[in-house]
Amino acid sequence: MRGVVRVRLGEPLREFLESGDIVQETFAQALASFDRFEVRDEARFLDWLSRLAENRIRDAAKLRGAQKRDPARAVALDDSRSGVESKRIDPLPSSPELRPEDLAARGEEAGILDDCVAGLDDRQREIVVQRNYLGATWPAIAEEFGYSNEQAARAAHAKATLELCLRLRARGVS
């Protein structure tokens, strides 16, 4: 769910909003209204959650865009640390697989992936989100997007995936 939220937030809103907060608000809303939802399969459930998340994002974007929160009026704080002594802590990683620099690189690549998915046109982005993030079936994607059959849905997904790969390569991710 966090990946879906990050993609739908887009880069500008991610600067000001935490995707984890949106996810928590979405789950809280889902719990409150779960008795009105009929679970048919996992993909439909995830789609319902993603639509709740979209509403939370839309509300947060409206709030963020209010006059008193206008991003154009934001002023950066001075980052000087005068008078504060910095202590360097250099802990050894607990295992070679969990090195901090590897975790940071993974996080950075995940952010680039989310940015690239968010940069796709609306239809391509939603096909990728439905299939790769939410696990929707090909028949469900064909129905959702009005394709005549699942092969057409697969072809549209392949085209979106190719565009995504080109965007990732342009950002230096292989």
N, C-alpha and C. Protein backbone atom coordinates (compact mmCIF):
# COMPACT_ATOMS: atom_id res chain seq x y z
N MET A 1 0.83 -1.19 0.00
CA MET A 1 0.00 0.00 0.00
C MET A 1 0.87 1.25 0.00
N ARG A 2 2.01 1.17 0.71
CA ARG A 2 2.89 2.34 0.77
C ARG A 2 3.40 2.70 -0.63
N GLY A 3 3.72 1.68 -1.44
CA GLY A 3 4.18 1.94 -2.80
C GLY A 3 3.12 2.62 -3.64
N VAL A 4 1.89 2.18 -3.52
CA VAL A 4 0.78 2.79 -4.25
C VAL A 4 0.65 4.26 -3.84
N VAL A 5 0.72 4.51 -2.56
CA VAL A 5 0.59 5.88 -2.06
C VAL A 5 1.74 6.74 -2.56
N ARG A 6 2.98 6.22 -2.52
CA ARG A 6 4.13 7.00 -2.98
C ARG A 6 3.99 7.36 -4.46
N VAL A 7 3.52 6.40 -5.26
CA VAL A 7 3.37 6.66 -6.69
C VAL A 7 2.29 7.70 -6.93
N ARG A 8 1.19 7.58 -6.23
CA ARG A 8 0.08 8.51 -6.46
C ARG A 8 0.32 9.88 -5.83
N LEU A 9 1.18 9.94 -4.83
CA LEU A 9 1.52 11.25 -4.25
C LEU A 9 2.29 12.09 -5.26
N GLY A 10 3.21 11.48 -5.96
CA GLY A 10 4.06 12.24 -6.88
C GLY A 10 5.14 12.97 -6.10
N GLU A 11 6.18 13.33 -6.81
CA GLU A 11 7.35 13.94 -6.17
C GLU A 11 7.06 15.24 -5.42
N PRO A 12 6.29 16.17 -5.99
CA PRO A 12 6.07 17.44 -5.27
C PRO A 12 5.39 17.26 -3.91
N LEU A 13 4.37 16.39 -3.85
CA LEU A 13 3.68 16.20 -2.57
C LEU A 13 4.51 15.38 -1.58
N ARG A 14 5.37 14.47 -2.11
CA ARG A 14 6.21 13.67 -1.20
C ARG A 14 7.19 14.53 -0.42
N GLU A 15 7.49 15.72 -0.92
CA GLU A 15 8.38 16.63 -0.19
C GLU A 15 7.73 17.11 1.10
N PHE A 16 6.39 17.14 1.12
CA PHE A 16 5.69 17.72 2.26
C PHE A 16 4.84 16.72 3.03
N LEU A 17 4.53 15.60 2.43
CA LEU A 17 3.67 14.61 3.08
C LEU A 17 4.40 13.29 3.23
N GLU A 18 4.18 12.63 4.32
CA GLU A 18 4.75 11.30 4.55
C GLU A 18 3.77 10.26 4.02
N SER A 19 4.26 9.38 3.17
CA SER A 19 3.39 8.35 2.63
C SER A 19 2.87 7.44 3.75
N GLY A 20 3.68 7.24 4.78
CA GLY A 20 3.25 6.42 5.92
C GLY A 20 2.04 7.00 6.63
N ASP A 21 1.97 8.32 6.71
CA ASP A 21 0.81 8.96 7.33
C ASP A 21 -0.46 8.71 6.52
N ILE A 22 -0.33 8.83 5.20
CA ILE A 22 -1.48 8.59 4.33
C ILE A 22 -1.93 7.14 4.45
N VAL A 23 -0.96 6.21 4.49
CA VAL A 23 -1.29 4.79 4.63
C VAL A 23 -2.03 4.54 5.94
N GLN A 24 -1.55 5.12 7.03
CA GLN A 24 -2.21 4.95 8.33
C GLN A 24 -3.63 5.51 8.31
N GLU A 25 -3.79 6.69 7.74
CA GLU A 25 -5.12 7.29 7.65
C GLU A 25 -6.05 6.42 6.79
N THR A 26 -5.50 5.86 5.73
CA THR A 26 -6.29 4.98 4.84
C THR A 26 -6.76 3.75 5.60
N PHE A 27 -5.84 3.10 6.34
CA PHE A 27 -6.22 1.91 7.09
C PHE A 27 -7.22 2.24 8.20
N ALA A 28 -7.07 3.38 8.82
CA ALA A 28 -8.04 3.78 9.85
C ALA A 28 -9.42 3.97 9.23
N GLN A 29 -9.47 4.61 8.07
CA GLN A 29 -10.75 4.80 7.38
C GLN A 29 -11.32 3.45 6.94
N ALA A 30 -10.46 2.56 6.46
CA ALA A 30 -10.91 1.23 6.01
C ALA A 30 -11.51 0.45 7.18
N LEU A 31 -10.85 0.50 8.32
CA LEU A 31 -11.38 -0.21 9.50
C LEU A 31 -12.74 0.34 9.90
N ALA A 32 -12.89 1.64 9.81
CA ALA A 32 -14.15 2.27 10.21
C ALA A 32 -15.30 1.91 9.26
N SER A 33 -14.97 1.63 7.99
CA SER A 33 -16.04 1.35 7.03
C SER A 33 -15.98 -0.06 6.48
N PHE A 34 -15.25 -0.94 7.13
CA PHE A 34 -15.06 -2.30 6.63
C PHE A 34 -16.36 -3.10 6.56
N ASP A 35 -17.28 -2.82 7.46
CA ASP A 35 -18.54 -3.57 7.46
C ASP A 35 -19.39 -3.30 6.22
N ARG A 36 -19.10 -2.22 5.48
CA ARG A 36 -19.85 -1.89 4.26
C ARG A 36 -19.16 -2.41 3.00
N PHE A 37 -18.02 -3.08 3.17
CA PHE A 37 -17.27 -3.59 2.02
C PHE A 37 -17.44 -5.09 1.90
N GLU A 38 -17.74 -5.56 0.69
CA GLU A 38 -17.88 -6.99 0.44
C GLU A 38 -16.59 -7.50 -0.20
N VAL A 39 -15.88 -8.37 0.50
CA VAL A 39 -14.61 -8.89 0.01
C VAL A 39 -14.88 -10.02 -0.98
N ARG A 40 -14.47 -9.82 -2.23
CA ARG A 40 -14.62 -10.86 -3.25
C ARG A 40 -13.29 -11.56 -3.49
N ASP A 41 -12.24 -10.76 -3.63
CA ASP A 41 -10.90 -11.32 -3.79
C ASP A 41 -9.88 -10.28 -3.33
N GLU A 42 -8.64 -10.70 -3.25
CA GLU A 42 -7.59 -9.83 -2.73
C GLU A 42 -7.39 -8.59 -3.60
N ALA A 43 -7.43 -8.77 -4.91
CA ALA A 43 -7.21 -7.64 -5.81
C ALA A 43 -8.29 -6.57 -5.63
N ARG A 44 -9.54 -6.99 -5.50
CA ARG A 44 -10.63 -6.02 -5.29
C ARG A 44 -10.46 -5.30 -3.95
N PHE A 45 -10.01 -6.03 -2.94
CA PHE A 45 -9.78 -5.42 -1.63
C PHE A 45 -8.67 -4.37 -1.72
N LEU A 46 -7.57 -4.73 -2.40
CA LEU A 46 -6.48 -3.76 -2.56
C LEU A 46 -6.90 -2.57 -3.39
N ASP A 47 -7.74 -2.80 -4.40
CA ASP A 47 -8.25 -1.70 -5.21
C ASP A 47 -9.10 -0.77 -4.35
N TRP A 48 -9.93 -1.33 -3.49
CA TRP A 48 -10.75 -0.52 -2.58
C TRP A 48 -9.86 0.32 -1.67
N LEU A 49 -8.82 -0.33 -1.11
CA LEU A 49 -7.89 0.42 -0.25
C LEU A 49 -7.19 1.53 -1.04
N SER A 50 -6.80 1.24 -2.28
CA SER A 50 -6.10 2.26 -3.07
C SER A 50 -7.02 3.43 -3.38
N ARG A 51 -8.30 3.17 -3.57
CA ARG A 51 -9.25 4.27 -3.82
C ARG A 51 -9.45 5.11 -2.55
N LEU A 52 -9.46 4.46 -1.39
CA LEU A 52 -9.51 5.21 -0.14
C LEU A 52 -8.26 6.08 -0.01
N ALA A 53 -7.11 5.51 -0.37
CA ALA A 53 -5.85 6.26 -0.31
C ALA A 53 -5.88 7.45 -1.25
N GLU A 54 -6.42 7.26 -2.46
CA GLU A 54 -6.55 8.37 -3.41
C GLU A 54 -7.33 9.52 -2.81
N ASN A 55 -8.43 9.20 -2.13
CA ASN A 55 -9.23 10.24 -1.49
C ASN A 55 -8.44 10.96 -0.40
N ARG A 56 -7.65 10.20 0.37
CA ARG A 56 -6.82 10.82 1.42
C ARG A 56 -5.78 11.75 0.78
N ILE A 57 -5.19 11.29 -0.32
CA ILE A 57 -4.17 12.10 -1.02
C ILE A 57 -4.81 13.36 -1.57
N ARG A 58 -5.97 13.22 -2.17
CA ARG A 58 -6.68 14.39 -2.73
C ARG A 58 -6.97 15.41 -1.63
N ASP A 59 -7.45 14.92 -0.48
CA ASP A 59 -7.73 15.82 0.64
C ASP A 59 -6.46 16.50 1.13
N ALA A 60 -5.37 15.72 1.22
CA ALA A 60 -4.10 16.29 1.69
C ALA A 60 -3.56 17.31 0.70
N ALA A 61 -3.73 17.05 -0.60
CA ALA A 61 -3.27 17.99 -1.62
C ALA A 61 -4.04 19.30 -1.55
N LYS A 62 -5.36 19.19 -1.33
CA LYS A 62 -6.17 20.41 -1.19
C LYS A 62 -5.73 21.21 0.03
N LEU A 63 -5.48 20.50 1.13
CA LEU A 63 -5.04 21.17 2.35
C LEU A 63 -3.68 21.81 2.14
N ARG A 64 -2.78 21.10 1.47
CA ARG A 64 -1.43 21.60 1.21
C ARG A 64 -1.47 22.83 0.31
N GLY A 65 -2.42 22.85 -0.63
CA GLY A 65 -2.51 23.94 -1.58
C GLY A 65 -3.22 25.17 -1.06
N ALA A 66 -3.70 25.10 0.17
CA ALA A 66 -4.40 26.26 0.74
C ALA A 66 -3.45 27.45 0.80
N GLN A 67 -4.00 28.64 0.75
CA GLN A 67 -3.22 29.88 0.72
C GLN A 67 -2.13 29.93 1.79
N LYS A 68 -2.47 29.61 3.02
CA LYS A 68 -1.49 29.74 4.09
C LYS A 68 -0.40 28.66 4.02
N ARG A 69 -0.62 27.62 3.19
CA ARG A 69 0.37 26.57 3.06
C ARG A 69 0.97 26.56 1.65
N ASP A 70 0.88 27.66 0.96
CA ASP A 70 1.36 27.76 -0.41
C ASP A 70 2.85 27.43 -0.46
N PRO A 71 3.26 26.40 -1.21
CA PRO A 71 4.67 26.02 -1.28
C PRO A 71 5.56 27.15 -1.77
N ALA A 72 5.02 28.07 -2.58
CA ALA A 72 5.82 29.18 -3.08
C ALA A 72 6.25 30.12 -1.96
N ARG A 73 5.54 30.07 -0.84
CA ARG A 73 5.86 30.94 0.29
C ARG A 73 6.82 30.28 1.27
N ALA A 74 7.19 29.02 1.03
CA ALA A 74 8.07 28.29 1.95
C ALA A 74 9.46 28.91 1.97
N VAL A 75 10.04 28.98 3.15
CA VAL A 75 11.38 29.52 3.34
C VAL A 75 12.23 28.45 4.01
N ALA A 76 13.40 28.17 3.43
CA ALA A 76 14.28 27.15 3.99
C ALA A 76 14.90 27.66 5.29
N LEU A 77 14.99 26.76 6.26
CA LEU A 77 15.63 27.09 7.52
C LEU A 77 17.14 27.03 7.36
N ASP A 78 17.85 27.86 8.13
CA ASP A 78 19.31 27.83 8.10
C ASP A 78 19.77 26.50 8.65
N ASP A 79 20.64 25.82 7.94
CA ASP A 79 21.09 24.50 8.35
C ASP A 79 22.40 24.55 9.14
N SER A 80 22.80 25.73 9.57
CA SER A 80 24.05 25.82 10.33
C SER A 80 23.87 25.20 11.70
N ARG A 81 24.91 24.58 12.17
CA ARG A 81 24.84 23.91 13.47
C ARG A 81 25.89 24.53 14.41
N SER A 82 25.93 25.82 14.41
CA SER A 82 26.91 26.50 15.26
C SER A 82 26.64 26.19 16.72
N GLY A 83 27.70 25.89 17.42
CA GLY A 83 27.57 25.62 18.85
C GLY A 83 27.18 24.19 19.16
N VAL A 84 26.88 23.38 18.15
CA VAL A 84 26.52 21.98 18.40
C VAL A 84 27.67 21.12 17.93
N GLU A 85 28.21 20.35 18.87
CA GLU A 85 29.33 19.48 18.53
C GLU A 85 28.79 18.16 17.99
N SER A 86 29.29 17.75 16.86
CA SER A 86 28.83 16.51 16.25
C SER A 86 29.72 15.36 16.68
N LYS A 87 29.10 14.28 17.14
CA LYS A 87 29.85 13.08 17.51
C LYS A 87 29.66 12.06 16.39
N ARG A 88 30.76 11.52 15.92
CA ARG A 88 30.68 10.53 14.86
C ARG A 88 30.55 9.14 15.47
N ILE A 89 29.50 8.44 15.08
CA ILE A 89 29.29 7.07 15.53
C ILE A 89 29.40 6.19 14.31
N ASP A 90 30.26 5.21 14.37
CA ASP A 90 30.50 4.34 13.23
C ASP A 90 30.27 2.90 13.64
N PRO A 91 28.99 2.49 13.79
CA PRO A 91 28.74 1.12 14.23
C PRO A 91 29.02 0.13 13.12
N LEU A 92 29.41 -1.07 13.49
CA LEU A 92 29.61 -2.13 12.53
C LEU A 92 28.25 -2.75 12.20
N PRO A 93 28.03 -3.06 10.95
CA PRO A 93 26.74 -3.68 10.62
C PRO A 93 26.63 -5.05 11.26
N SER A 94 25.39 -5.45 11.59
CA SER A 94 25.19 -6.72 12.25
C SER A 94 25.42 -7.89 11.32
N SER A 95 25.24 -7.67 10.02
CA SER A 95 25.53 -8.71 9.04
C SER A 95 25.93 -8.04 7.74
N PRO A 96 26.71 -8.71 6.92
CA PRO A 96 27.16 -8.07 5.67
C PRO A 96 26.01 -7.75 4.72
N GLU A 97 24.87 -8.46 4.82
CA GLU A 97 23.75 -8.17 3.92
C GLU A 97 23.02 -6.88 4.29
N LEU A 98 23.18 -6.39 5.49
CA LEU A 98 22.42 -5.23 5.96
C LEU A 98 23.29 -4.00 6.14
N ARG A 99 24.20 -3.77 5.20
CA ARG A 99 25.04 -2.59 5.30
C ARG A 99 24.21 -1.33 5.06
N PRO A 100 24.44 -0.29 5.82
CA PRO A 100 23.64 0.94 5.67
C PRO A 100 23.68 1.51 4.26
N GLU A 101 24.84 1.47 3.62
CA GLU A 101 24.92 2.04 2.27
C GLU A 101 24.08 1.24 1.26
N ASP A 102 23.97 -0.08 1.49
CA ASP A 102 23.11 -0.89 0.62
C ASP A 102 21.64 -0.55 0.84
N LEU A 103 21.26 -0.41 2.11
CA LEU A 103 19.89 -0.04 2.42
C LEU A 103 19.54 1.33 1.86
N ALA A 104 20.49 2.26 1.96
CA ALA A 104 20.27 3.60 1.43
C ALA A 104 20.11 3.57 -0.08
N ALA A 105 20.95 2.76 -0.76
CA ALA A 105 20.85 2.66 -2.22
C ALA A 105 19.51 2.07 -2.63
N ARG A 106 19.07 1.03 -1.90
CA ARG A 106 17.76 0.44 -2.20
C ARG A 106 16.64 1.46 -2.03
N GLY A 107 16.72 2.22 -0.94
CA GLY A 107 15.71 3.25 -0.70
C GLY A 107 15.71 4.31 -1.77
N GLU A 108 16.92 4.68 -2.22
CA GLU A 108 17.05 5.69 -3.26
C GLU A 108 16.46 5.17 -4.58
N GLU A 109 16.76 3.91 -4.91
CA GLU A 109 16.23 3.33 -6.14
C GLU A 109 14.71 3.18 -6.06
N ALA A 110 14.19 2.85 -4.89
CA ALA A 110 12.73 2.75 -4.74
C ALA A 110 12.09 4.12 -4.96
N GLY A 111 12.73 5.16 -4.47
CA GLY A 111 12.22 6.52 -4.69
C GLY A 111 12.24 6.90 -6.16
N ILE A 112 13.32 6.51 -6.87
CA ILE A 112 13.41 6.79 -8.30
C ILE A 112 12.33 6.01 -9.05
N LEU A 113 12.13 4.74 -8.66
CA LEU A 113 11.09 3.94 -9.30
C LEU A 113 9.72 4.60 -9.11
N ASP A 114 9.43 5.01 -7.88
CA ASP A 114 8.15 5.66 -7.62
C ASP A 114 7.99 6.93 -8.44
N ASP A 115 9.08 7.72 -8.55
CA ASP A 115 9.02 8.95 -9.36
C ASP A 115 8.74 8.62 -10.82
N CYS A 116 9.40 7.57 -11.33
CA CYS A 116 9.21 7.21 -12.74
C CYS A 116 7.80 6.68 -12.99
N VAL A 117 7.28 5.88 -12.08
CA VAL A 117 5.91 5.40 -12.24
C VAL A 117 4.95 6.58 -12.18
N ALA A 118 5.18 7.49 -11.25
CA ALA A 118 4.31 8.67 -11.13
C ALA A 118 4.37 9.54 -12.38
N GLY A 119 5.49 9.50 -13.12
CA GLY A 119 5.65 10.31 -14.31
C GLY A 119 5.00 9.74 -15.56
N LEU A 120 4.54 8.49 -15.50
CA LEU A 120 3.85 7.90 -16.64
C LEU A 120 2.53 8.63 -16.86
N ASP A 121 1.98 8.53 -18.08
CA ASP A 121 0.67 9.15 -18.27
C ASP A 121 -0.35 8.39 -17.40
N ASP A 122 -1.48 9.02 -17.17
CA ASP A 122 -2.46 8.49 -16.20
C ASP A 122 -2.83 7.04 -16.46
N ARG A 123 -3.13 6.71 -17.69
CA ARG A 123 -3.58 5.35 -18.01
C ARG A 123 -2.47 4.33 -17.77
N GLN A 124 -1.25 4.64 -18.26
CA GLN A 124 -0.13 3.73 -18.06
C GLN A 124 0.18 3.56 -16.57
N ARG A 125 0.18 4.67 -15.84
CA ARG A 125 0.47 4.60 -14.40
C ARG A 125 -0.54 3.71 -13.69
N GLU A 126 -1.81 3.87 -14.01
CA GLU A 126 -2.83 3.08 -13.33
C GLU A 126 -2.76 1.60 -13.70
N ILE A 127 -2.39 1.30 -14.94
CA ILE A 127 -2.22 -0.11 -15.32
C ILE A 127 -1.08 -0.72 -14.53
N VAL A 128 0.04 -0.01 -14.41
CA VAL A 128 1.19 -0.51 -13.64
C VAL A 128 0.81 -0.65 -12.17
N VAL A 129 0.12 0.33 -11.62
CA VAL A 129 -0.29 0.26 -10.22
C VAL A 129 -1.23 -0.93 -10.00
N GLN A 130 -2.22 -1.08 -10.86
CA GLN A 130 -3.18 -2.17 -10.70
C GLN A 130 -2.50 -3.53 -10.77
N ARG A 131 -1.61 -3.72 -11.73
CA ARG A 131 -0.98 -5.03 -11.91
C ARG A 131 0.18 -5.26 -10.95
N ASN A 132 1.12 -4.31 -10.88
CA ASN A 132 2.36 -4.53 -10.13
C ASN A 132 2.25 -4.22 -8.65
N TYR A 133 1.45 -3.25 -8.29
CA TYR A 133 1.34 -2.88 -6.89
C TYR A 133 0.17 -3.58 -6.21
N LEU A 134 -0.95 -3.69 -6.94
CA LEU A 134 -2.17 -4.23 -6.33
C LEU A 134 -2.44 -5.68 -6.71
N GLY A 135 -1.71 -6.21 -7.70
CA GLY A 135 -1.86 -7.61 -8.07
C GLY A 135 -3.14 -7.95 -8.79
N ALA A 136 -3.71 -7.00 -9.50
CA ALA A 136 -4.95 -7.25 -10.24
C ALA A 136 -4.72 -8.29 -11.33
N THR A 137 -5.73 -9.08 -11.60
CA THR A 137 -5.64 -10.10 -12.65
C THR A 137 -5.79 -9.45 -14.02
N TRP A 138 -5.36 -10.17 -15.07
CA TRP A 138 -5.49 -9.63 -16.42
C TRP A 138 -6.95 -9.42 -16.81
N PRO A 139 -7.85 -10.36 -16.50
CA PRO A 139 -9.26 -10.08 -16.82
C PRO A 139 -9.79 -8.84 -16.10
N ALA A 140 -9.40 -8.65 -14.85
CA ALA A 140 -9.85 -7.47 -14.10
C ALA A 140 -9.31 -6.19 -14.72
N ILE A 141 -8.06 -6.23 -15.16
CA ILE A 141 -7.47 -5.04 -15.81
C ILE A 141 -8.17 -4.77 -17.13
N ALA A 142 -8.42 -5.82 -17.90
CA ALA A 142 -9.13 -5.64 -19.18
C ALA A 142 -10.49 -5.00 -18.95
N GLU A 143 -11.20 -5.47 -17.94
CA GLU A 143 -12.52 -4.92 -17.64
C GLU A 143 -12.42 -3.48 -17.15
N GLU A 144 -11.50 -3.22 -16.24
CA GLU A 144 -11.34 -1.88 -15.65
C GLU A 144 -11.02 -0.82 -16.70
N PHE A 145 -10.16 -1.18 -17.67
CA PHE A 145 -9.70 -0.19 -18.63
C PHE A 145 -10.38 -0.31 -20.00
N GLY A 146 -11.36 -1.21 -20.10
CA GLY A 146 -12.15 -1.31 -21.32
C GLY A 146 -11.44 -2.00 -22.48
N TYR A 147 -10.51 -2.91 -22.19
CA TYR A 147 -9.86 -3.67 -23.26
C TYR A 147 -10.76 -4.84 -23.64
N SER A 148 -10.67 -5.26 -24.90
CA SER A 148 -11.55 -6.32 -25.39
C SER A 148 -11.21 -7.68 -24.80
N ASN A 149 -9.95 -7.89 -24.43
CA ASN A 149 -9.55 -9.18 -23.84
C ASN A 149 -8.29 -8.98 -23.00
N GLU A 150 -7.87 -10.05 -22.34
CA GLU A 150 -6.71 -9.92 -21.46
C GLU A 150 -5.41 -9.76 -22.24
N GLN A 151 -5.35 -10.25 -23.50
CA GLN A 151 -4.14 -10.03 -24.30
C GLN A 151 -3.93 -8.55 -24.57
N ALA A 152 -5.02 -7.83 -24.81
CA ALA A 152 -4.91 -6.38 -25.01
C ALA A 152 -4.45 -5.69 -23.73
N ALA A 153 -4.93 -6.17 -22.60
CA ALA A 153 -4.49 -5.62 -21.31
C ALA A 153 -3.01 -5.90 -21.10
N ARG A 154 -2.57 -7.11 -21.43
CA ARG A 154 -1.14 -7.47 -21.31
C ARG A 154 -0.28 -6.59 -22.22
N ALA A 155 -0.76 -6.35 -23.43
CA ALA A 155 -0.01 -5.51 -24.36
C ALA A 155 0.11 -4.07 -23.84
N ALA A 156 -0.97 -3.55 -23.29
CA ALA A 156 -0.93 -2.20 -22.72
C ALA A 156 0.03 -2.15 -21.53
N HIS A 157 0.02 -3.19 -20.71
CA HIS A 157 0.94 -3.26 -19.57
C HIS A 157 2.38 -3.34 -20.05
N ALA A 158 2.62 -4.13 -21.10
CA ALA A 158 3.98 -4.25 -21.65
C ALA A 158 4.47 -2.91 -22.16
N LYS A 159 3.60 -2.16 -22.82
CA LYS A 159 3.97 -0.84 -23.33
C LYS A 159 4.28 0.11 -22.17
N ALA A 160 3.46 0.07 -21.12
CA ALA A 160 3.70 0.91 -19.94
C ALA A 160 5.00 0.51 -19.26
N THR A 161 5.26 -0.79 -19.19
CA THR A 161 6.49 -1.27 -18.56
C THR A 161 7.72 -0.84 -19.36
N LEU A 162 7.63 -0.88 -20.69
CA LEU A 162 8.72 -0.43 -21.53
C LEU A 162 9.00 1.06 -21.29
N GLU A 163 7.95 1.85 -21.25
CA GLU A 163 8.11 3.29 -20.97
C GLU A 163 8.75 3.50 -19.61
N LEU A 164 8.32 2.72 -18.62
CA LEU A 164 8.89 2.81 -17.28
C LEU A 164 10.38 2.46 -17.30
N CYS A 165 10.74 1.41 -18.02
CA CYS A 165 12.15 1.01 -18.12
C CYS A 165 12.99 2.11 -18.76
N LEU A 166 12.46 2.74 -19.79
CA LEU A 166 13.19 3.84 -20.44
C LEU A 166 13.40 5.00 -19.47
N ARG A 167 12.39 5.30 -18.69
CA ARG A 167 12.51 6.38 -17.70
C ARG A 167 13.53 6.03 -16.62
N LEU A 168 13.51 4.78 -16.17
CA LEU A 168 14.48 4.34 -15.16
C LEU A 168 15.90 4.40 -15.71
N ARG A 169 16.09 3.94 -16.92
CA ARG A 169 17.42 3.96 -17.54
C ARG A 169 17.92 5.39 -17.65
N ALA A 170 17.03 6.31 -18.01
CA ALA A 170 17.41 7.72 -18.13
C ALA A 170 17.83 8.30 -16.78
N ARG A 171 17.33 7.72 -15.69
CA ARG A 171 17.69 8.18 -14.34
C ARG A 171 18.87 7.39 -13.77
N GLY A 172 19.45 6.48 -14.58
CA GLY A 172 20.64 5.75 -14.14
C GLY A 172 20.37 4.47 -13.38
N VAL A 173 19.14 3.97 -13.44
CA VAL A 173 18.80 2.71 -12.76
C VAL A 173 18.65 1.64 -13.83
N SER A 174 19.37 0.54 -13.66
CA SER A 174 19.29 -0.52 -14.68
C SER A 174 18.33 -1.61 -14.25
